[in-house]
């Protein structure tokens, strides 16, 4: 576990989940101390982020030799997020 400076603001899980779409499309080295602090302090959010990263990789290899476009992958992930928020 990393010790974080008390000056690093905390975010709650709801705000973190809203960031996940952007996080899966960005370099983890650029996530910053707020995200790092939350991931260190909240194992369920770390698992959720890892699942979304894995899903992105799996969706890019759905069909033999055929890849889904970034647009299609984003559409699937956005649909999952909408269902989790109850927006059917």
PDB file of N, CA and C in Angstrom:
ATOM      1  N   UNK A   1       0.843  -1.179   0.000  1.00  0.00           N
ATOM      2  CA  UNK A   1       0.000   0.000   0.000  1.00  0.00           C
ATOM      3  C   UNK A   1       0.886   1.239   0.000  1.00  0.00           C
ATOM      4  N   UNK A   2       0.519   2.212  -0.759  1.00  0.00           N
ATOM      5  CA  UNK A   2       1.256   3.458  -0.855  1.00  0.00           C
ATOM      6  C   UNK A   2       0.731   4.448   0.169  1.00  0.00           C
ATOM      7  N   UNK A   3       1.635   5.189   0.771  1.00  0.00           N
ATOM      8  CA  UNK A   3       1.219   6.244   1.694  1.00  0.00           C
ATOM      9  C   UNK A   3       1.040   7.510   0.871  1.00  0.00           C
ATOM     10  N   UNK A   4      -0.144   8.090   0.959  1.00  0.00           N
ATOM     11  CA  UNK A   4      -0.449   9.286   0.180  1.00  0.00           C
ATOM     12  C   UNK A   4      -0.423  10.515   1.068  1.00  0.00           C
ATOM     13  N   UNK A   5      -0.038  11.611   0.483  1.00  0.00           N
ATOM     14  CA  UNK A   5      -0.030  12.902   1.158  1.00  0.00           C
ATOM     15  C   UNK A   5      -1.465  13.266   1.527  1.00  0.00           C
ATOM     16  N   UNK A   6      -1.656  13.817   2.703  1.00  0.00           N
ATOM     17  CA  UNK A   6      -3.000  14.243   3.119  1.00  0.00           C
ATOM     18  C   UNK A   6      -3.552  15.346   2.231  1.00  0.00           C
ATOM     19  N   UNK A   7      -2.682  15.990   1.458  1.00  0.00           N
ATOM     20  CA  UNK A   7      -3.135  17.053   0.565  1.00  0.00           C
ATOM     21  C   UNK A   7      -3.810  16.497  -0.691  1.00  0.00           C
ATOM     22  N   UNK A   8      -3.647  15.196  -0.945  1.00  0.00           N
ATOM     23  CA  UNK A   8      -4.287  14.587  -2.119  1.00  0.00           C
ATOM     24  C   UNK A   8      -5.758  14.389  -1.789  1.00  0.00           C
ATOM     25  N   UNK A   9      -6.648  15.059  -2.537  1.00  0.00           N
ATOM     26  CA  UNK A   9      -8.077  14.929  -2.231  1.00  0.00           C
ATOM     27  C   UNK A   9      -8.596  13.522  -2.519  1.00  0.00           C
ATOM     28  N   UNK A  10      -9.578  13.133  -1.755  1.00  0.00           N
ATOM     29  CA  UNK A  10     -10.211  11.828  -1.950  1.00  0.00           C
ATOM     30  C   UNK A  10     -11.419  11.985  -2.864  1.00  0.00           C
ATOM     31  N   UNK A  11     -11.696  10.938  -3.632  1.00  0.00           N
ATOM     32  CA  UNK A  11     -12.929  10.905  -4.414  1.00  0.00           C
ATOM     33  C   UNK A  11     -13.716   9.690  -3.950  1.00  0.00           C
ATOM     34  N   UNK A  12     -15.024   9.750  -4.145  1.00  0.00           N
ATOM     35  CA  UNK A  12     -15.832   8.595  -3.743  1.00  0.00           C
ATOM     36  C   UNK A  12     -15.969   7.634  -4.924  1.00  0.00           C
ATOM     37  N   UNK A  13     -16.542   6.486  -4.658  1.00  0.00           N
ATOM     38  CA  UNK A  13     -16.653   5.434  -5.670  1.00  0.00           C
ATOM     39  C   UNK A  13     -17.526   5.851  -6.851  1.00  0.00           C
ATOM     40  N   UNK A  14     -18.569   6.600  -6.593  1.00  0.00           N
ATOM     41  CA  UNK A  14     -19.450   7.055  -7.678  1.00  0.00           C
ATOM     42  C   UNK A  14     -18.659   7.915  -8.658  1.00  0.00           C
ATOM     43  N   UNK A  15     -17.874   8.855  -8.132  1.00  0.00           N
ATOM     44  CA  UNK A  15     -17.056   9.699  -9.005  1.00  0.00           C
ATOM     45  C   UNK A  15     -15.992   8.875  -9.728  1.00  0.00           C
ATOM     46  N   UNK A  16     -15.432   7.900  -9.029  1.00  0.00           N
ATOM     47  CA  UNK A  16     -14.418   7.057  -9.659  1.00  0.00           C
ATOM     48  C   UNK A  16     -15.008   6.288 -10.837  1.00  0.00           C
ATOM     49  N   UNK A  17     -16.171   5.683 -10.643  1.00  0.00           N
ATOM     50  CA  UNK A  17     -16.800   4.902 -11.716  1.00  0.00           C
ATOM     51  C   UNK A  17     -17.060   5.781 -12.934  1.00  0.00           C
ATOM     52  N   UNK A  18     -17.391   7.032 -12.706  1.00  0.00           N
ATOM     53  CA  UNK A  18     -17.600   7.957 -13.837  1.00  0.00           C
ATOM     54  C   UNK A  18     -16.309   8.190 -14.621  1.00  0.00           C
ATOM     55  N   UNK A  19     -15.161   8.029 -13.963  1.00  0.00           N
ATOM     56  CA  UNK A  19     -13.867   8.232 -14.621  1.00  0.00           C
ATOM     57  C   UNK A  19     -13.376   7.004 -15.388  1.00  0.00           C
ATOM     58  N   UNK A  20     -13.965   5.856 -15.128  1.00  0.00           N
ATOM     59  CA  UNK A  20     -13.436   4.604 -15.667  1.00  0.00           C
ATOM     60  C   UNK A  20     -13.361   4.612 -17.190  1.00  0.00           C
ATOM     61  N   UNK A  21     -14.349   5.142 -17.875  1.00  0.00           N
ATOM     62  CA  UNK A  21     -14.299   5.193 -19.345  1.00  0.00           C
ATOM     63  C   UNK A  21     -13.035   5.900 -19.818  1.00  0.00           C
ATOM     64  N   UNK A  22     -12.718   7.019 -19.181  1.00  0.00           N
ATOM     65  CA  UNK A  22     -11.518   7.763 -19.555  1.00  0.00           C
ATOM     66  C   UNK A  22     -10.248   7.017 -19.149  1.00  0.00           C
ATOM     67  N   UNK A  23     -10.291   6.353 -18.008  1.00  0.00           N
ATOM     68  CA  UNK A  23      -9.107   5.645 -17.524  1.00  0.00           C
ATOM     69  C   UNK A  23      -8.730   4.475 -18.424  1.00  0.00           C
ATOM     70  N   UNK A  24      -9.717   3.728 -18.916  1.00  0.00           N
ATOM     71  CA  UNK A  24      -9.389   2.571 -19.759  1.00  0.00           C
ATOM     72  C   UNK A  24      -8.776   2.994 -21.088  1.00  0.00           C
ATOM     73  N   UNK A  25      -8.991   4.237 -21.481  1.00  0.00           N
ATOM     74  CA  UNK A  25      -8.441   4.732 -22.743  1.00  0.00           C
ATOM     75  C   UNK A  25      -7.179   5.558 -22.558  1.00  0.00           C
ATOM     76  N   UNK A  26      -6.650   5.610 -21.337  1.00  0.00           N
ATOM     77  CA  UNK A  26      -5.481   6.453 -21.093  1.00  0.00           C
ATOM     78  C   UNK A  26      -4.327   5.646 -20.514  1.00  0.00           C
ATOM     79  N   UNK A  27      -3.169   6.264 -20.496  1.00  0.00           N
ATOM     80  CA  UNK A  27      -1.952   5.655 -19.964  1.00  0.00           C
ATOM     81  C   UNK A  27      -1.994   5.690 -18.436  1.00  0.00           C
ATOM     82  N   UNK A  28      -1.859   4.544 -17.773  1.00  0.00           N
ATOM     83  CA  UNK A  28      -1.894   4.528 -16.306  1.00  0.00           C
ATOM     84  C   UNK A  28      -0.864   5.452 -15.657  1.00  0.00           C
ATOM     85  N   UNK A  29       0.225   5.732 -16.351  1.00  0.00           N
ATOM     86  CA  UNK A  29       1.232   6.651 -15.804  1.00  0.00           C
ATOM     87  C   UNK A  29       0.703   8.080 -15.709  1.00  0.00           C
ATOM     88  N   UNK A  30      -0.395   8.363 -16.409  1.00  0.00           N
ATOM     89  CA  UNK A  30      -0.967   9.706 -16.427  1.00  0.00           C
ATOM     90  C   UNK A  30      -2.185   9.850 -15.523  1.00  0.00           C
ATOM     91  N   UNK A  31      -2.544   8.816 -14.765  1.00  0.00           N
ATOM     92  CA  UNK A  31      -3.763   8.856 -13.967  1.00  0.00           C
ATOM     93  C   UNK A  31      -3.698   9.828 -12.806  1.00  0.00           C
ATOM     94  N   UNK A  32      -2.551  10.044 -12.237  1.00  0.00           N
ATOM     95  CA  UNK A  32      -2.401  11.030 -11.183  1.00  0.00           C
ATOM     96  C   UNK A  32      -2.656  10.496  -9.783  1.00  0.00           C
ATOM     97  N   UNK A  33      -2.329  11.319  -8.791  1.00  0.00           N
ATOM     98  CA  UNK A  33      -2.387  10.890  -7.391  1.00  0.00           C
ATOM     99  C   UNK A  33      -3.795  10.659  -6.854  1.00  0.00           C
ATOM    100  N   UNK A  34      -4.788  11.361  -7.371  1.00  0.00           N
ATOM    101  CA  UNK A  34      -6.154  11.177  -6.864  1.00  0.00           C
ATOM    102  C   UNK A  34      -6.651   9.775  -7.204  1.00  0.00           C
ATOM    103  N   UNK A  35      -6.433   9.359  -8.446  1.00  0.00           N
ATOM    104  CA  UNK A  35      -6.847   8.018  -8.866  1.00  0.00           C
ATOM    105  C   UNK A  35      -6.020   6.965  -8.130  1.00  0.00           C
ATOM    106  N   UNK A  36      -4.709   7.178  -8.039  1.00  0.00           N
ATOM    107  CA  UNK A  36      -3.841   6.216  -7.344  1.00  0.00           C
ATOM    108  C   UNK A  36      -4.265   6.042  -5.893  1.00  0.00           C
ATOM    109  N   UNK A  37      -4.587   7.143  -5.235  1.00  0.00           N
ATOM    110  CA  UNK A  37      -5.016   7.075  -3.836  1.00  0.00           C
ATOM    111  C   UNK A  37      -6.307   6.268  -3.715  1.00  0.00           C
ATOM    112  N   UNK A  38      -7.266   6.537  -4.596  1.00  0.00           N
ATOM    113  CA  UNK A  38      -8.538   5.819  -4.515  1.00  0.00           C
ATOM    114  C   UNK A  38      -8.338   4.322  -4.767  1.00  0.00           C
ATOM    115  N   UNK A  39      -7.528   3.979  -5.760  1.00  0.00           N
ATOM    116  CA  UNK A  39      -7.294   2.565  -6.063  1.00  0.00           C
ATOM    117  C   UNK A  39      -6.593   1.851  -4.911  1.00  0.00           C
ATOM    118  N   UNK A  40      -5.689   2.537  -4.232  1.00  0.00           N
ATOM    119  CA  UNK A  40      -5.013   1.948  -3.068  1.00  0.00           C
ATOM    120  C   UNK A  40      -5.977   1.728  -1.911  1.00  0.00           C
ATOM    121  N   UNK A  41      -6.943   2.624  -1.776  1.00  0.00           N
ATOM    122  CA  UNK A  41      -7.843   2.584  -0.622  1.00  0.00           C
ATOM    123  C   UNK A  41      -9.143   1.834  -0.881  1.00  0.00           C
ATOM    124  N   UNK A  42      -9.421   1.482  -2.139  1.00  0.00           N
ATOM    125  CA  UNK A  42     -10.708   0.869  -2.465  1.00  0.00           C
ATOM    126  C   UNK A  42     -10.515  -0.346  -3.381  1.00  0.00           C
ATOM    127  N   UNK A  43     -10.268  -1.509  -2.804  1.00  0.00           N
ATOM    128  CA  UNK A  43     -10.080  -2.714  -3.625  1.00  0.00           C
ATOM    129  C   UNK A  43     -11.233  -3.011  -4.593  1.00  0.00           C
ATOM    130  N   UNK A  44     -12.511  -2.789  -4.233  1.00  0.00           N
ATOM    131  CA  UNK A  44     -13.574  -3.061  -5.212  1.00  0.00           C
ATOM    132  C   UNK A  44     -13.465  -2.196  -6.474  1.00  0.00           C
ATOM    133  N   UNK A  45     -13.065  -0.950  -6.331  1.00  0.00           N
ATOM    134  CA  UNK A  45     -12.908  -0.098  -7.517  1.00  0.00           C
ATOM    135  C   UNK A  45     -11.717  -0.550  -8.355  1.00  0.00           C
ATOM    136  N   UNK A  46     -10.671  -1.037  -7.705  1.00  0.00           N
ATOM    137  CA  UNK A  46      -9.530  -1.579  -8.435  1.00  0.00           C
ATOM    138  C   UNK A  46      -9.964  -2.793  -9.249  1.00  0.00           C
ATOM    139  N   UNK A  47     -10.742  -3.674  -8.652  1.00  0.00           N
ATOM    140  CA  UNK A  47     -11.251  -4.854  -9.366  1.00  0.00           C
ATOM    141  C   UNK A  47     -12.121  -4.417 -10.542  1.00  0.00           C
ATOM    142  N   UNK A  48     -12.997  -3.445 -10.317  1.00  0.00           N
ATOM    143  CA  UNK A  48     -13.877  -2.956 -11.384  1.00  0.00           C
ATOM    144  C   UNK A  48     -13.056  -2.396 -12.547  1.00  0.00           C
ATOM    145  N   UNK A  49     -12.061  -1.581 -12.241  1.00  0.00           N
ATOM    146  CA  UNK A  49     -11.219  -1.018 -13.294  1.00  0.00           C
ATOM    147  C   UNK A  49     -10.489  -2.131 -14.042  1.00  0.00           C
ATOM    148  N   UNK A  50      -9.958  -3.105 -13.328  1.00  0.00           N
ATOM    149  CA  UNK A  50      -9.277  -4.223 -13.982  1.00  0.00           C
ATOM    150  C   UNK A  50     -10.235  -4.996 -14.885  1.00  0.00           C
ATOM    151  N   UNK A  51     -11.479  -5.174 -14.444  1.00  0.00           N
ATOM    152  CA  UNK A  51     -12.465  -5.869 -15.272  1.00  0.00           C
ATOM    153  C   UNK A  51     -12.760  -5.089 -16.549  1.00  0.00           C
ATOM    154  N   UNK A  52     -12.859  -3.779 -16.454  1.00  0.00           N
ATOM    155  CA  UNK A  52     -13.130  -2.965 -17.640  1.00  0.00           C
ATOM    156  C   UNK A  52     -11.936  -2.983 -18.592  1.00  0.00           C
ATOM    157  N   UNK A  53     -10.719  -2.969 -18.048  1.00  0.00           N
ATOM    158  CA  UNK A  53      -9.530  -3.068 -18.896  1.00  0.00           C
ATOM    159  C   UNK A  53      -9.492  -4.430 -19.595  1.00  0.00           C
ATOM    160  N   UNK A  54      -9.797  -5.493 -18.853  1.00  0.00           N
ATOM    161  CA  UNK A  54      -9.842  -6.836 -19.447  1.00  0.00           C
ATOM    162  C   UNK A  54     -10.928  -6.933 -20.510  1.00  0.00           C
ATOM    163  N   UNK A  55     -12.090  -6.338 -20.232  1.00  0.00           N
ATOM    164  CA  UNK A  55     -13.191  -6.359 -21.194  1.00  0.00           C
ATOM    165  C   UNK A  55     -12.787  -5.675 -22.491  1.00  0.00           C
ATOM    166  N   UNK A  56     -12.100  -4.558 -22.380  1.00  0.00           N
ATOM    167  CA  UNK A  56     -11.654  -3.851 -23.583  1.00  0.00           C
ATOM    168  C   UNK A  56     -10.735  -4.748 -24.415  1.00  0.00           C
ATOM    169  N   UNK A  57      -9.828  -5.441 -23.754  1.00  0.00           N
ATOM    170  CA  UNK A  57      -8.917  -6.345 -24.469  1.00  0.00           C
ATOM    171  C   UNK A  57      -9.691  -7.494 -25.108  1.00  0.00           C
ATOM    172  N   UNK A  58     -10.596  -8.103 -24.348  1.00  0.00           N
ATOM    173  CA  UNK A  58     -11.376  -9.226 -24.876  1.00  0.00           C
ATOM    174  C   UNK A  58     -12.255  -8.812 -26.047  1.00  0.00           C
ATOM    175  N   UNK A  59     -12.878  -7.645 -25.948  1.00  0.00           N
ATOM    176  CA  UNK A  59     -13.752  -7.192 -27.031  1.00  0.00           C
ATOM    177  C   UNK A  59     -12.976  -6.893 -28.305  1.00  0.00           C
ATOM    178  N   UNK A  60     -11.707  -6.558 -28.166  1.00  0.00           N
ATOM    179  CA  UNK A  60     -10.928  -6.279 -29.370  1.00  0.00           C
ATOM    180  C   UNK A  60     -10.557  -7.566 -30.113  1.00  0.00           C
ATOM    181  N   UNK A  61     -10.824  -8.731 -29.490  1.00  0.00           N
ATOM    182  CA  UNK A  61     -10.503 -10.021 -30.107  1.00  0.00           C
ATOM    183  C   UNK A  61     -11.704 -10.962 -30.129  1.00  0.00           C
ATOM    184  N   UNK A  62     -12.895 -10.419 -30.297  1.00  0.00           N
ATOM    185  CA  UNK A  62     -14.112 -11.220 -30.227  1.00  0.00           C
ATOM    186  C   UNK A  62     -14.186 -12.273 -31.325  1.00  0.00           C
ATOM    187  N   UNK A  63     -13.865 -11.904 -32.515  1.00  0.00           N
ATOM    188  CA  UNK A  63     -13.982 -12.819 -33.645  1.00  0.00           C
ATOM    189  C   UNK A  63     -12.597 -13.241 -34.115  1.00  0.00           C
ATOM    190  N   UNK A  64     -12.485 -14.467 -34.610  1.00  0.00           N
ATOM    191  CA  UNK A  64     -11.200 -14.968 -35.105  1.00  0.00           C
ATOM    192  C   UNK A  64     -10.653 -14.051 -36.189  1.00  0.00           C
ATOM    193  N   UNK A  65      -9.526 -13.440 -35.895  1.00  0.00           N
ATOM    194  CA  UNK A  65      -8.862 -12.595 -36.878  1.00  0.00           C
ATOM    195  C   UNK A  65      -9.551 -11.283 -37.174  1.00  0.00           C
ATOM    196  N   UNK A  66     -10.691 -11.032 -36.570  1.00  0.00           N
ATOM    197  CA  UNK A  66     -11.441  -9.801 -36.826  1.00  0.00           C
ATOM    198  C   UNK A  66     -11.540  -9.017 -35.522  1.00  0.00           C
ATOM    199  N   UNK A  67     -11.239  -7.745 -35.589  1.00  0.00           N
ATOM    200  CA  UNK A  67     -11.238  -6.920 -34.384  1.00  0.00           C
ATOM    201  C   UNK A  67     -12.406  -5.941 -34.412  1.00  0.00           C
ATOM    202  N   UNK A  68     -12.970  -5.688 -33.233  1.00  0.00           N
ATOM    203  CA  UNK A  68     -13.976  -4.636 -33.111  1.00  0.00           C
ATOM    204  C   UNK A  68     -13.264  -3.296 -33.137  1.00  0.00           C
ATOM    205  N   UNK A  69     -13.924  -2.302 -33.673  1.00  0.00           N
ATOM    206  CA  UNK A  69     -13.335  -0.965 -33.696  1.00  0.00           C
ATOM    207  C   UNK A  69     -13.409  -0.350 -32.301  1.00  0.00           C
ATOM    208  N   UNK A  70     -12.621   0.678 -32.084  1.00  0.00           N
ATOM    209  CA  UNK A  70     -12.662   1.404 -30.806  1.00  0.00           C
ATOM    210  C   UNK A  70     -14.070   1.937 -30.544  1.00  0.00           C
ATOM    211  N   UNK A  71     -14.761   2.340 -31.613  1.00  0.00           N
ATOM    212  CA  UNK A  71     -16.128   2.851 -31.486  1.00  0.00           C
ATOM    213  C   UNK A  71     -17.072   1.763 -30.967  1.00  0.00           C
ATOM    214  N   UNK A  72     -16.953   0.555 -31.496  1.00  0.00           N
ATOM    215  CA  UNK A  72     -17.799  -0.544 -31.035  1.00  0.00           C
ATOM    216  C   UNK A  72     -17.487  -0.920 -29.587  1.00  0.00           C
ATOM    217  N   UNK A  73     -16.205  -0.962 -29.245  1.00  0.00           N
ATOM    218  CA  UNK A  73     -15.806  -1.280 -27.870  1.00  0.00           C
ATOM    219  C   UNK A  73     -16.357  -0.237 -26.911  1.00  0.00           C
ATOM    220  N   UNK A  74     -16.225   1.040 -27.266  1.00  0.00           N
ATOM    221  CA  UNK A  74     -16.755   2.114 -26.419  1.00  0.00           C
ATOM    222  C   UNK A  74     -18.265   1.982 -26.273  1.00  0.00           C
ATOM    223  N   UNK A  75     -18.948   1.585 -27.340  1.00  0.00           N
ATOM    224  CA  UNK A  75     -20.396   1.403 -27.281  1.00  0.00           C
ATOM    225  C   UNK A  75     -20.801   0.311 -26.311  1.00  0.00           C
ATOM    226  N   UNK A  76     -20.073  -0.805 -26.314  1.00  0.00           N
ATOM    227  CA  UNK A  76     -20.372  -1.896 -25.379  1.00  0.00           C
ATOM    228  C   UNK A  76     -20.132  -1.443 -23.948  1.00  0.00           C
ATOM    229  N   UNK A  77     -19.010  -0.795 -23.704  1.00  0.00           N
ATOM    230  CA  UNK A  77     -18.689  -0.335 -22.347  1.00  0.00           C
ATOM    231  C   UNK A  77     -19.700   0.705 -21.882  1.00  0.00           C
ATOM    232  N   UNK A  78     -20.097   1.620 -22.749  1.00  0.00           N
ATOM    233  CA  UNK A  78     -21.101   2.626 -22.379  1.00  0.00           C
ATOM    234  C   UNK A  78     -22.442   1.976 -22.067  1.00  0.00           C
ATOM    235  N   UNK A  79     -22.806   0.939 -22.820  1.00  0.00           N
ATOM    236  CA  UNK A  79     -24.054   0.225 -22.552  1.00  0.00           C
ATOM    237  C   UNK A  79     -24.010  -0.452 -21.191  1.00  0.00           C
ATOM    238  N   UNK A  80     -22.890  -1.062 -20.863  1.00  0.00           N
ATOM    239  CA  UNK A  80     -22.739  -1.692 -19.544  1.00  0.00           C
ATOM    240  C   UNK A  80     -22.893  -0.655 -18.445  1.00  0.00           C
ATOM    241  N   UNK A  81     -22.255   0.502 -18.611  1.00  0.00           N
ATOM    242  CA  UNK A  81     -22.372   1.564 -17.602  1.00  0.00           C
ATOM    243  C   UNK A  81     -23.813   2.050 -17.485  1.00  0.00           C
ATOM    244  N   UNK A  82     -24.508   2.175 -18.598  1.00  0.00           N
ATOM    245  CA  UNK A  82     -25.905   2.620 -18.568  1.00  0.00           C
ATOM    246  C   UNK A  82     -26.780   1.618 -17.824  1.00  0.00           C
ATOM    247  N   UNK A  83     -26.560   0.336 -18.072  1.00  0.00           N
ATOM    248  CA  UNK A  83     -27.332  -0.697 -17.380  1.00  0.00           C
ATOM    249  C   UNK A  83     -27.060  -0.674 -15.880  1.00  0.00           C
ATOM    250  N   UNK A  84     -25.822  -0.441 -15.495  1.00  0.00           N
ATOM    251  CA  UNK A  84     -25.482  -0.404 -14.069  1.00  0.00           C
ATOM    252  C   UNK A  84     -26.129   0.796 -13.381  1.00  0.00           C
ATOM    253  N   UNK A  85     -26.332   1.879 -14.134  1.00  0.00           N
ATOM    254  CA  UNK A  85     -26.966   3.077 -13.563  1.00  0.00           C
ATOM    255  C   UNK A  85     -28.487   2.995 -13.644  1.00  0.00           C
ATOM    256  N   UNK A  86     -29.002   1.923 -14.242  1.00  0.00           N
ATOM    257  CA  UNK A  86     -30.442   1.750 -14.350  1.00  0.00           C
ATOM    258  C   UNK A  86     -31.067   2.490 -15.514  1.00  0.00           C
ATOM    259  N   UNK A  87     -30.268   2.857 -16.503  1.00  0.00           N
ATOM    260  CA  UNK A  87     -30.768   3.575 -17.685  1.00  0.00           C
ATOM    261  C   UNK A  87     -31.017   2.577 -18.811  1.00  0.00           C
ATOM    262  N   UNK A  88     -32.083   1.801 -18.734  1.00  0.00           N
ATOM    263  CA  UNK A  88     -32.345   0.780 -19.764  1.00  0.00           C
ATOM    264  C   UNK A  88     -32.983   1.421 -20.954  1.00  0.00           C
TER     265      UNK A  88
END
